[in-house]
N, C-alpha and C. Protein backbone atom coordinates (compact mmCIF):
# COMPACT_ATOMS: atom_id res chain seq x y z
N UNK A 1 24.82 6.08 27.36
CA UNK A 1 25.27 5.29 26.10
C UNK A 1 26.56 6.08 25.68
N UNK A 2 27.43 5.11 25.64
CA UNK A 2 28.71 5.55 24.45
C UNK A 2 28.14 6.29 23.06
N UNK A 3 28.54 6.92 22.55
CA UNK A 3 28.56 7.75 21.27
C UNK A 3 28.21 6.80 20.43
N UNK A 4 29.52 5.87 20.30
CA UNK A 4 29.45 4.81 19.22
C UNK A 4 28.14 3.67 19.46
N UNK A 5 27.85 3.19 20.20
CA UNK A 5 26.72 2.70 20.72
C UNK A 5 25.65 3.16 20.09
N UNK A 6 25.78 4.84 20.02
CA UNK A 6 24.53 5.31 20.18
C UNK A 6 24.26 5.44 18.19
N UNK A 7 25.30 5.88 17.54
CA UNK A 7 25.38 5.64 16.24
C UNK A 7 25.25 4.53 15.50
N UNK A 8 25.36 3.26 16.58
CA UNK A 8 25.15 2.23 16.21
C UNK A 8 23.49 1.73 15.37
N UNK A 9 23.00 2.57 16.40
CA UNK A 9 21.85 2.24 16.41
C UNK A 9 20.89 2.82 14.91
N UNK A 10 21.76 3.87 14.78
CA UNK A 10 21.36 4.97 13.56
C UNK A 10 21.61 4.07 12.40
N UNK A 11 22.51 3.22 12.18
CA UNK A 11 23.15 2.29 10.90
C UNK A 11 22.06 1.29 10.60
N UNK A 12 22.00 2.17 8.86
CA UNK A 12 20.25 1.11 8.56
C UNK A 12 21.22 -0.45 8.89
N UNK A 13 19.84 -0.97 9.15
CA UNK A 13 20.21 -2.51 9.21
C UNK A 13 19.79 -2.96 7.91
N UNK A 14 20.26 -4.41 7.32
CA UNK A 14 19.41 -4.98 6.25
C UNK A 14 18.11 -5.09 6.07
N UNK A 15 17.30 -5.04 7.49
CA UNK A 15 15.91 -5.03 7.33
C UNK A 15 15.49 -3.59 6.95
N UNK A 16 16.09 -2.30 7.26
CA UNK A 16 15.31 -1.44 7.21
C UNK A 16 15.69 -0.82 5.68
N UNK A 17 16.97 -1.53 4.87
CA UNK A 17 17.07 -1.19 3.50
C UNK A 17 16.31 -1.87 2.58
N UNK A 18 15.39 -2.75 3.17
CA UNK A 18 14.46 -3.88 2.44
C UNK A 18 15.79 -4.87 1.84
N UNK A 19 16.51 -5.37 2.81
CA UNK A 19 17.08 -6.68 2.31
C UNK A 19 16.67 -7.46 3.34
N UNK A 20 17.92 -8.66 3.64
CA UNK A 20 17.16 -10.07 3.99
C UNK A 20 17.07 -9.84 5.00
N UNK A 21 15.78 -10.55 5.83
CA UNK A 21 15.46 -10.58 7.14
C UNK A 21 15.61 -12.12 7.08
N UNK A 22 16.68 -12.57 8.22
CA UNK A 22 16.89 -13.80 8.17
C UNK A 22 15.88 -14.81 9.24
N UNK A 23 16.00 -16.04 8.98
CA UNK A 23 15.46 -16.96 9.81
C UNK A 23 15.34 -16.67 11.02
N UNK A 24 16.21 -16.02 11.66
CA UNK A 24 16.24 -16.25 13.39
C UNK A 24 15.09 -14.76 13.36
N UNK A 25 14.24 -14.19 12.82
CA UNK A 25 13.47 -13.33 12.79
C UNK A 25 12.26 -13.82 13.21
N UNK A 26 12.34 -15.54 13.14
CA UNK A 26 11.06 -16.12 13.28
C UNK A 26 11.27 -17.15 14.66
N UNK A 27 12.36 -16.67 15.55
CA UNK A 27 12.64 -17.44 16.46
C UNK A 27 12.72 -16.74 17.63
N UNK A 28 12.19 -17.31 18.60
CA UNK A 28 12.34 -16.69 19.83
C UNK A 28 12.87 -17.14 20.57
N UNK A 29 12.83 -17.24 22.36
CA UNK A 29 13.70 -18.08 23.35
C UNK A 29 12.73 -18.58 23.45
N UNK A 30 11.66 -19.31 23.28
CA UNK A 30 10.66 -20.27 23.05
C UNK A 30 10.67 -20.36 21.11
N UNK A 31 10.62 -21.96 21.32
CA UNK A 31 10.55 -22.25 19.86
C UNK A 31 8.77 -22.03 19.62
N UNK A 32 9.29 -22.02 18.24
CA UNK A 32 7.60 -21.87 17.85
C UNK A 32 6.99 -23.20 17.17
N UNK A 33 5.68 -22.96 17.07
CA UNK A 33 4.98 -24.26 16.42
C UNK A 33 5.76 -24.54 15.02
N UNK A 34 6.74 -25.64 15.04
CA UNK A 34 7.03 -26.19 13.81
C UNK A 34 6.16 -27.04 12.80
N UNK A 35 6.35 -26.77 11.59
CA UNK A 35 5.60 -27.88 10.76
C UNK A 35 6.47 -28.47 9.55
N UNK A 36 5.85 -29.42 8.85
CA UNK A 36 6.84 -29.99 7.84
C UNK A 36 5.82 -29.63 6.50
N UNK A 37 6.27 -29.08 5.81
CA UNK A 37 5.77 -29.27 4.48
C UNK A 37 6.60 -29.47 2.70
N UNK A 38 5.78 -30.32 2.48
CA UNK A 38 6.16 -30.74 1.14
C UNK A 38 5.32 -29.83 -0.54
N UNK A 39 5.99 -29.39 -1.05
CA UNK A 39 5.47 -28.63 -2.21
C UNK A 39 6.59 -28.70 -3.68
N UNK A 40 5.97 -28.11 -4.35
CA UNK A 40 7.40 -28.09 -5.46
C UNK A 40 7.51 -26.73 -5.68
N UNK A 41 9.21 -26.28 -6.05
CA UNK A 41 9.22 -25.33 -6.50
C UNK A 41 9.61 -24.89 -7.83
N UNK A 42 9.44 -24.05 -8.68
CA UNK A 42 9.97 -24.30 -10.44
C UNK A 42 10.29 -25.73 -10.72
N UNK A 43 9.08 -26.70 -10.38
CA UNK A 43 9.05 -27.97 -10.63
C UNK A 43 10.04 -28.88 -9.69
N UNK A 44 10.78 -28.24 -9.07
CA UNK A 44 11.36 -29.70 -8.11
C UNK A 44 10.50 -29.71 -6.51
N UNK A 45 10.80 -30.84 -6.30
CA UNK A 45 9.86 -31.52 -5.14
C UNK A 45 10.97 -30.21 -3.67
N UNK A 46 10.25 -30.07 -2.78
CA UNK A 46 11.08 -29.52 -1.27
C UNK A 46 10.12 -29.95 -0.56
N UNK A 47 11.14 -30.12 0.57
CA UNK A 47 10.47 -30.33 1.91
C UNK A 47 10.89 -29.69 2.85
N UNK A 48 10.14 -29.08 3.73
CA UNK A 48 10.75 -27.78 4.57
C UNK A 48 10.43 -28.38 6.18
N UNK A 49 11.17 -27.79 7.37
CA UNK A 49 10.54 -27.80 8.13
C UNK A 49 10.97 -26.49 9.03
N UNK A 50 9.42 -25.87 9.37
CA UNK A 50 9.87 -24.66 9.28
C UNK A 50 8.60 -24.42 10.66
N UNK A 51 8.77 -22.90 11.26
CA UNK A 51 7.61 -22.63 11.70
C UNK A 51 6.23 -22.30 11.20
N UNK A 52 5.29 -22.75 11.28
CA UNK A 52 3.35 -22.56 10.59
C UNK A 52 2.86 -21.50 10.09
N UNK A 53 3.79 -20.19 10.79
CA UNK A 53 3.16 -19.04 10.43
C UNK A 53 4.58 -18.34 9.48
N UNK A 54 5.65 -19.04 9.16
CA UNK A 54 6.63 -18.27 8.75
C UNK A 54 5.86 -18.37 6.98
N UNK A 55 6.50 -16.76 6.70
CA UNK A 55 5.97 -16.58 5.16
C UNK A 55 6.83 -16.91 4.18
N UNK A 56 6.16 -17.51 3.13
CA UNK A 56 6.95 -18.13 1.57
C UNK A 56 8.10 -17.14 1.46
N UNK A 57 7.78 -16.13 1.30
CA UNK A 57 9.11 -15.59 1.10
C UNK A 57 10.37 -15.72 1.87
N UNK A 58 10.22 -15.62 2.89
CA UNK A 58 11.48 -16.44 4.13
C UNK A 58 11.48 -17.74 3.73
N UNK A 59 10.95 -18.38 3.30
CA UNK A 59 11.39 -20.01 3.05
C UNK A 59 11.89 -20.11 1.85
N UNK A 60 11.46 -19.35 1.10
CA UNK A 60 11.75 -19.08 -0.30
C UNK A 60 13.69 -18.91 -0.33
N UNK A 61 13.44 -17.61 0.25
CA UNK A 61 15.14 -16.83 0.70
C UNK A 61 15.94 -17.35 1.38
N UNK A 62 15.38 -18.02 2.39
CA UNK A 62 16.35 -18.31 3.81
C UNK A 62 16.66 -19.53 3.90
N UNK A 63 15.33 -20.15 3.51
CA UNK A 63 15.44 -21.75 3.86
C UNK A 63 16.01 -22.41 2.19
N UNK A 64 15.56 -22.12 1.69
CA UNK A 64 15.90 -22.79 0.16
C UNK A 64 17.08 -21.88 -0.63
N UNK A 65 17.17 -20.74 -0.08
CA UNK A 65 18.21 -20.14 -1.01
C UNK A 65 17.82 -19.33 -1.82
N UNK A 66 16.66 -19.34 -2.44
CA UNK A 66 16.27 -18.41 -3.68
C UNK A 66 15.95 -17.03 -3.35
N UNK A 67 16.87 -15.99 -4.00
CA UNK A 67 16.93 -14.51 -3.63
C UNK A 67 16.28 -14.07 -5.22
N UNK A 68 15.81 -14.56 -6.01
CA UNK A 68 15.12 -13.86 -6.77
C UNK A 68 13.90 -13.11 -6.41
N UNK A 69 13.54 -13.66 -5.45
CA UNK A 69 12.06 -13.03 -4.89
C UNK A 69 12.62 -12.33 -3.57
N UNK A 70 12.03 -10.75 -3.46
CA UNK A 70 12.33 -9.79 -2.86
C UNK A 70 11.42 -9.61 -1.95
N UNK A 71 12.36 -8.85 -0.54
CA UNK A 71 11.13 -8.43 -0.02
C UNK A 71 11.31 -6.73 0.11
N UNK A 72 10.37 -6.28 0.51
CA UNK A 72 9.68 -4.86 0.08
C UNK A 72 9.32 -4.19 1.04
N UNK A 73 7.77 -4.81 1.43
CA UNK A 73 7.11 -4.15 2.69
C UNK A 73 6.84 -5.19 3.53
N UNK A 74 6.72 -6.54 3.60
CA UNK A 74 6.25 -7.43 4.58
C UNK A 74 4.56 -7.35 4.54
N UNK A 75 4.09 -6.14 3.86
CA UNK A 75 2.35 -6.28 4.13
C UNK A 75 1.73 -6.13 2.98
N UNK A 76 2.20 -7.04 1.58
CA UNK A 76 1.61 -7.15 0.33
C UNK A 76 1.32 -5.88 -0.39
N UNK A 77 1.88 -4.59 0.18
CA UNK A 77 1.39 -3.58 -0.41
C UNK A 77 2.46 -3.26 -1.49
N UNK A 78 3.70 -3.67 -2.11
CA UNK A 78 4.28 -3.15 -3.02
C UNK A 78 4.42 -4.19 -4.18
N UNK A 79 4.13 -5.64 -3.76
CA UNK A 79 4.37 -6.14 -4.70
C UNK A 79 6.02 -6.82 -5.39
N UNK A 80 6.91 -6.85 -4.62
CA UNK A 80 8.30 -7.25 -5.09
C UNK A 80 8.32 -8.41 -4.79
N UNK A 81 7.46 -8.80 -3.87
CA UNK A 81 7.84 -10.71 -3.74
C UNK A 81 6.74 -11.31 -4.43
N UNK A 82 6.17 -10.78 -5.51
CA UNK A 82 5.15 -12.02 -6.40
C UNK A 82 5.48 -12.67 -6.89
N UNK A 83 5.39 -14.17 -6.33
CA UNK A 83 5.35 -15.23 -6.85
C UNK A 83 4.18 -16.06 -7.59
N UNK A 84 4.32 -17.26 -8.14
CA UNK A 84 3.03 -17.55 -8.41
C UNK A 84 2.70 -18.84 -7.94
N UNK A 85 1.47 -19.53 -7.02
CA UNK A 85 1.05 -20.08 -6.37
C UNK A 85 -0.05 -20.90 -7.00
N UNK A 86 -0.01 -22.34 -7.30
CA UNK A 86 -0.65 -23.05 -8.11
C UNK A 86 -1.32 -22.11 -9.00
N UNK A 87 -0.67 -21.55 -10.07
CA UNK A 87 -0.65 -20.53 -11.13
C UNK A 87 -1.40 -19.41 -10.81
N UNK A 88 -1.49 -18.94 -9.70
CA UNK A 88 -2.00 -17.06 -9.59
C UNK A 88 -0.87 -16.49 -8.96
N UNK A 89 -0.81 -15.34 -9.34
CA UNK A 89 0.33 -14.37 -8.78
C UNK A 89 -0.23 -14.07 -7.03
N UNK A 90 0.76 -14.03 -6.42
CA UNK A 90 0.46 -14.15 -5.02
C UNK A 90 1.28 -13.11 -4.14
N UNK A 91 1.22 -12.30 -3.52
CA UNK A 91 2.42 -11.75 -2.28
C UNK A 91 3.07 -13.13 -1.57
N UNK A 92 4.24 -13.45 -2.05
CA UNK A 92 4.63 -14.51 -1.00
C UNK A 92 4.58 -13.94 0.49
N UNK A 93 4.82 -12.64 0.88
CA UNK A 93 4.71 -12.13 2.39
C UNK A 93 3.58 -12.49 3.44
N UNK A 94 2.60 -12.71 2.62
CA UNK A 94 1.43 -12.96 3.12
C UNK A 94 0.81 -14.49 2.84
N UNK A 95 1.69 -15.35 2.28
CA UNK A 95 1.51 -16.71 2.26
C UNK A 95 2.49 -17.59 3.30
N UNK A 96 1.20 -18.06 4.37
CA UNK A 96 1.73 -18.87 5.66
C UNK A 96 2.10 -20.43 5.00
N UNK A 97 2.86 -20.54 5.86
CA UNK A 97 3.72 -21.99 5.45
C UNK A 97 2.59 -23.38 5.67
N UNK A 98 1.82 -22.84 6.31
CA UNK A 98 0.72 -23.76 6.81
C UNK A 98 -0.30 -24.14 5.20
N UNK A 99 -0.11 -22.98 4.30
CA UNK A 99 -0.83 -22.79 2.94
C UNK A 99 0.44 -23.80 2.13
N UNK A 100 1.40 -24.01 2.17
CA UNK A 100 2.06 -24.73 1.09
C UNK A 100 2.26 -26.32 0.88
N UNK A 101 1.69 -27.23 1.97
CA UNK A 101 1.54 -28.45 1.72
C UNK A 101 1.15 -28.59 0.10
N UNK A 102 1.46 -29.60 -0.93
CA UNK A 102 1.29 -29.91 -2.26
C UNK A 102 0.98 -28.93 -2.85
N UNK A 103 1.48 -27.57 -2.53
CA UNK A 103 1.32 -26.63 -3.79
C UNK A 103 2.23 -26.23 -4.83
N UNK A 104 2.04 -26.12 -5.84
CA UNK A 104 2.90 -25.46 -6.97
C UNK A 104 3.30 -24.21 -6.99
N UNK A 105 4.82 -23.82 -6.64
CA UNK A 105 4.95 -22.70 -6.80
C UNK A 105 6.27 -21.95 -7.96
N UNK A 106 6.19 -21.05 -8.60
CA UNK A 106 6.99 -20.61 -9.43
C UNK A 106 7.66 -19.41 -9.13
N UNK A 107 8.86 -18.91 -9.05
CA UNK A 107 9.42 -17.88 -8.87
C UNK A 107 10.07 -17.33 -9.76
N UNK A 108 10.84 -16.21 -9.84
CA UNK A 108 11.06 -15.23 -10.95
C UNK A 108 12.54 -16.62 -11.63
N UNK A 109 12.91 -17.41 -10.44
CA UNK A 109 14.14 -18.09 -11.05
C UNK A 109 13.73 -19.09 -12.19
N UNK A 110 12.40 -19.77 -11.78
CA UNK A 110 12.02 -20.52 -12.70
C UNK A 110 10.91 -20.63 -13.77
N UNK A 111 10.49 -19.03 -13.95
CA UNK A 111 9.71 -18.54 -15.07
C UNK A 111 10.36 -18.70 -16.43
N UNK A 112 11.44 -18.71 -16.45
CA UNK A 112 11.92 -19.23 -17.69
C UNK A 112 13.41 -19.55 -17.90
N UNK A 113 14.22 -19.67 -18.79
CA UNK A 113 15.98 -19.80 -19.00
C UNK A 113 16.74 -19.10 -19.49
N UNK A 114 17.98 -19.02 -19.06
CA UNK A 114 18.74 -17.73 -19.94
C UNK A 114 18.61 -18.45 -21.85
N UNK A 115 18.46 -20.00 -21.93
CA UNK A 115 18.43 -20.19 -23.35
C UNK A 115 16.65 -20.13 -23.92
N UNK A 116 16.08 -19.91 -22.81
CA UNK A 116 14.36 -19.83 -23.43
C UNK A 116 13.76 -19.07 -22.20
N UNK A 117 13.80 -17.44 -22.23
CA UNK A 117 13.50 -17.11 -21.46
C UNK A 117 11.86 -16.36 -21.57
N UNK A 118 11.33 -16.49 -20.62
CA UNK A 118 9.80 -16.19 -20.75
C UNK A 118 9.41 -14.89 -21.91
N UNK A 119 8.37 -14.67 -22.29
CA UNK A 119 8.27 -13.26 -23.17
C UNK A 119 8.19 -12.03 -22.28
N UNK A 120 8.02 -12.14 -20.92
CA UNK A 120 7.61 -10.97 -20.16
C UNK A 120 9.21 -10.72 -19.90
N UNK A 121 10.02 -11.68 -19.49
CA UNK A 121 11.85 -11.42 -19.30
C UNK A 121 12.31 -10.81 -20.73
N UNK A 122 12.15 -11.39 -21.67
CA UNK A 122 12.34 -11.16 -23.08
C UNK A 122 12.66 -9.84 -23.03
N UNK A 123 10.86 -9.23 -22.87
CA UNK A 123 10.43 -8.07 -23.32
C UNK A 123 10.84 -6.67 -22.54
N UNK A 124 11.23 -7.18 -21.20
CA UNK A 124 11.51 -6.45 -19.97
C UNK A 124 13.30 -5.92 -20.55
N UNK A 125 14.18 -7.32 -21.09
CA UNK A 125 15.21 -6.74 -21.44
C UNK A 125 15.29 -6.15 -22.72
N UNK A 126 14.42 -6.57 -23.83
CA UNK A 126 14.78 -5.13 -25.22
C UNK A 126 14.00 -4.10 -24.76
N UNK A 127 13.37 -3.54 -23.51
CA UNK A 127 12.65 -2.24 -23.53
C UNK A 127 13.41 -1.71 -21.82
N UNK A 128 14.68 -2.27 -21.72
CA UNK A 128 15.59 -1.79 -20.46
C UNK A 128 14.42 -1.52 -19.64
N UNK A 129 13.68 -2.05 -18.98
CA UNK A 129 12.77 -1.97 -18.06
C UNK A 129 13.38 -0.95 -16.99
N UNK A 130 14.43 -1.84 -16.68
CA UNK A 130 14.95 -2.08 -15.05
C UNK A 130 15.59 -0.84 -14.66
N UNK A 131 15.78 -0.09 -13.65
CA UNK A 131 16.37 0.88 -13.15
C UNK A 131 17.46 0.26 -12.39
N UNK A 132 16.74 0.64 -11.00
CA UNK A 132 17.57 -0.04 -9.94
C UNK A 132 16.97 -1.88 -9.87
N UNK A 133 15.99 -2.01 -10.53
CA UNK A 133 15.45 -3.47 -10.58
C UNK A 133 15.52 -4.17 -9.62
N UNK A 134 15.39 -3.80 -8.06
CA UNK A 134 14.53 -4.58 -6.92
C UNK A 134 13.59 -5.07 -7.07
N UNK A 135 12.24 -4.02 -8.03
CA UNK A 135 11.07 -4.63 -7.88
C UNK A 135 10.75 -5.51 -8.98
N UNK A 136 11.69 -5.66 -9.93
CA UNK A 136 11.56 -5.93 -11.44
C UNK A 136 10.95 -7.34 -11.34
N UNK A 137 11.49 -8.36 -10.27
CA UNK A 137 11.21 -9.86 -10.25
C UNK A 137 9.70 -9.58 -10.24
N UNK A 138 9.23 -8.96 -9.18
CA UNK A 138 7.80 -9.02 -8.54
C UNK A 138 7.14 -8.46 -9.87
N UNK A 139 7.67 -7.51 -10.70
CA UNK A 139 6.68 -6.96 -11.91
C UNK A 139 6.79 -7.95 -12.50
N UNK A 140 7.31 -8.83 -13.19
CA UNK A 140 7.47 -9.70 -14.09
C UNK A 140 6.66 -10.42 -13.90
N UNK A 141 6.67 -11.08 -12.65
CA UNK A 141 5.76 -12.30 -12.16
C UNK A 141 4.54 -11.79 -12.37
N UNK A 142 4.43 -10.66 -11.96
CA UNK A 142 2.55 -10.38 -12.25
C UNK A 142 2.33 -10.02 -13.41
N UNK A 143 3.36 -9.42 -14.37
CA UNK A 143 2.59 -9.52 -15.54
C UNK A 143 2.83 -10.42 -16.52
N UNK A 144 3.53 -11.79 -16.19
CA UNK A 144 3.17 -13.09 -16.75
C UNK A 144 1.97 -13.94 -16.21
N UNK A 145 1.43 -13.35 -15.20
CA UNK A 145 0.07 -14.21 -14.58
C UNK A 145 -0.67 -13.10 -15.83
N UNK A 146 -0.75 -11.88 -15.83
CA UNK A 146 -1.84 -10.77 -16.56
C UNK A 146 -1.62 -11.73 -17.93
N UNK A 147 -0.54 -12.07 -18.48
CA UNK A 147 -0.42 -12.23 -20.18
C UNK A 147 -1.06 -14.02 -19.93
N UNK A 148 -1.19 -14.88 -18.70
CA UNK A 148 -1.87 -15.83 -19.05
C UNK A 148 -3.16 -15.86 -19.14
N UNK A 149 -3.64 -14.92 -18.02
CA UNK A 149 -5.16 -14.79 -18.29
C UNK A 149 -5.72 -14.05 -19.46
N UNK A 150 -5.22 -12.85 -19.96
CA UNK A 150 -5.39 -12.14 -20.86
C UNK A 150 -4.16 -11.75 -22.07
N UNK A 151 -3.90 -12.95 -23.09
CA UNK A 151 -2.83 -12.65 -24.33
C UNK A 151 -2.67 -11.49 -24.69
N UNK A 152 -3.31 -10.26 -24.63
CA UNK A 152 -3.50 -9.22 -25.47
C UNK A 152 -4.18 -8.17 -24.54
N UNK A 153 -3.43 -7.85 -23.48
CA UNK A 153 -4.03 -6.91 -22.69
C UNK A 153 -4.11 -5.66 -23.24
N UNK A 154 -5.02 -4.59 -22.97
CA UNK A 154 -5.70 -3.08 -22.83
C UNK A 154 -4.56 -2.54 -21.88
N UNK A 155 -4.09 -1.24 -22.22
CA UNK A 155 -3.68 -0.21 -21.28
C UNK A 155 -4.44 -0.33 -20.15
N UNK A 156 -5.52 -0.29 -19.93
CA UNK A 156 -6.33 -0.15 -18.70
C UNK A 156 -6.46 -1.54 -18.10
N UNK A 157 -6.60 -2.55 -18.73
CA UNK A 157 -6.31 -3.99 -18.37
C UNK A 157 -4.59 -4.19 -17.61
N UNK A 158 -3.61 -3.67 -17.92
CA UNK A 158 -2.66 -3.45 -17.92
C UNK A 158 -2.47 -3.15 -16.49
N UNK A 159 -2.94 -1.62 -16.68
CA UNK A 159 -2.46 -0.55 -15.41
C UNK A 159 -3.38 -1.25 -14.19
N UNK A 160 -4.78 -1.90 -14.54
CA UNK A 160 -5.47 -3.01 -12.86
C UNK A 160 -4.64 -3.93 -12.35
N UNK A 161 -4.05 -4.63 -13.52
CA UNK A 161 -3.33 -5.87 -12.98
C UNK A 161 -2.19 -5.30 -12.23
N UNK A 162 -1.28 -4.10 -12.69
CA UNK A 162 -0.19 -3.82 -12.10
C UNK A 162 -0.07 -3.01 -11.43
N UNK A 163 -1.09 -2.89 -10.61
CA UNK A 163 -1.63 -1.32 -9.83
C UNK A 163 -0.97 -1.78 -8.45
N UNK A 164 -1.15 -3.51 -7.77
CA UNK A 164 -0.48 -3.65 -6.79
C UNK A 164 1.16 -3.64 -6.95
N UNK A 165 1.51 -3.29 -7.78
CA UNK A 165 3.18 -3.46 -8.06
C UNK A 165 3.95 -1.80 -8.02
N UNK A 166 4.59 -2.02 -6.98
CA UNK A 166 5.05 -0.41 -6.91
C UNK A 166 6.53 -0.55 -7.38
N UNK A 167 6.55 0.79 -7.85
CA UNK A 167 8.28 0.54 -8.54
C UNK A 167 8.78 1.98 -8.28
N UNK A 168 9.69 2.24 -7.29
CA UNK A 168 10.16 3.49 -6.79
C UNK A 168 11.14 4.49 -7.62
N UNK A 169 11.37 3.59 -8.99
CA UNK A 169 11.96 4.04 -9.97
C UNK A 169 10.87 4.67 -11.16
N UNK A 170 9.97 4.57 -11.24
CA UNK A 170 8.82 5.03 -11.89
C UNK A 170 8.84 4.49 -13.61
N UNK A 171 9.08 3.25 -13.40
CA UNK A 171 9.18 2.75 -14.36
C UNK A 171 8.06 2.38 -15.60
N UNK A 172 7.23 2.87 -14.64
CA UNK A 172 5.74 2.00 -15.43
C UNK A 172 5.54 2.39 -16.97
N UNK A 173 5.89 3.23 -17.54
CA UNK A 173 5.75 3.71 -19.06
C UNK A 173 6.35 2.46 -19.60
N UNK A 174 7.45 2.47 -19.38
CA UNK A 174 8.38 1.22 -19.86
C UNK A 174 7.79 -0.28 -19.43
N UNK A 175 7.62 -0.38 -18.47
CA UNK A 175 6.54 -1.97 -17.85
C UNK A 175 5.17 -1.73 -18.76
N UNK A 176 4.50 -0.84 -18.94
CA UNK A 176 3.45 -0.97 -19.99
C UNK A 176 3.74 -1.29 -21.46
N UNK A 177 4.85 -0.60 -21.61
CA UNK A 177 5.26 -1.00 -23.12
C UNK A 177 5.87 -2.16 -23.33
N UNK A 178 6.57 -3.06 -22.46
CA UNK A 178 7.37 -4.23 -22.46
C UNK A 178 6.15 -5.39 -22.41
N UNK A 179 5.05 -4.91 -21.91
CA UNK A 179 4.22 -5.90 -21.67
C UNK A 179 3.29 -6.36 -22.88
N UNK A 180 3.30 -4.81 -23.70
CA UNK A 180 2.97 -4.99 -25.21
C UNK A 180 3.62 -5.75 -26.22
N UNK A 181 4.86 -5.55 -26.03
CA UNK A 181 5.92 -6.36 -26.69
C UNK A 181 5.74 -7.73 -26.37
N UNK A 182 5.56 -8.14 -25.05
CA UNK A 182 5.54 -9.92 -24.47
C UNK A 182 4.61 -10.28 -25.52
N UNK A 183 3.09 -9.40 -25.58
CA UNK A 183 2.36 -9.93 -26.45
C UNK A 183 2.48 -10.33 -27.56
N UNK A 184 3.11 -9.68 -28.42
CA UNK A 184 3.62 -10.05 -29.64
C UNK A 184 4.69 -11.33 -29.90
N UNK A 185 5.77 -11.47 -28.51
CA UNK A 185 6.18 -12.98 -28.60
C UNK A 185 5.60 -14.20 -27.99
N UNK A 186 4.36 -13.74 -27.16
CA UNK A 186 3.55 -15.01 -27.01
C UNK A 186 3.33 -15.66 -27.90
N UNK A 187 2.68 -14.69 -28.88
CA UNK A 187 2.28 -15.38 -30.31
C UNK A 187 2.90 -16.44 -31.53
N UNK A 188 4.50 -15.52 -31.27
CA UNK A 188 4.94 -16.45 -32.04
C UNK A 188 5.56 -17.70 -30.93
N UNK A 189 5.75 -18.09 -30.05
CA UNK A 189 5.60 -19.28 -29.30
C UNK A 189 5.32 -20.18 -29.77
C-alpha cells in the first residue's frame, strides 16, 4: 500500500465527524426492498420512495433536503436527531420509513418561524445557549415536547426530560435556564 493511500484511510470521513451519511449508505449491489410513504413534514405533504428500513433521519436529510436535524450517534443515545412524530419527541435515527405512512412530523425547521419563533427558540437565543450548536436542534425539539406536556416544569422534570440529549459543550445549565425562560414566554402567547 502506498503511503498516500494509507493516509487517505486515516482522513476523517463525514460519517466519523458526525456529518451526513448519504442515501448511498442504504444501497448495496442488490437493491433493498423499497416502499412508498406519504406523510406530512412541517405541515406540508410529502411522498417518498425509499428502502423500508431507511431511518427517518436520512429521509429528512438526504431525500427531503432538510438538514436542521443532525446525525449524532445513529443509536438513539445522544438526542441530536430529535424530531416530533405525531406530537411526540422521537429519535429520528430509530424510526424506519415503514412507520411514516400518514405520520405528522415536525422538525426544527417547522417548530417556529423567524418572525414567530417557538418560545424555546426565543429563550435559546436570549440565553445564548448554543456553543458549537450541533446538538441544539435536538435539544430544542426535546424542550418543546417537554413544555407541551408540562408548561411549567421543575428542575427535576427538566433534567429527567432532557437526560437523553447530550451536549458535548456541556451547556446544560444554560439549557435548563432557557427552558425556565421559555415557560414565561408561553404564558405571554
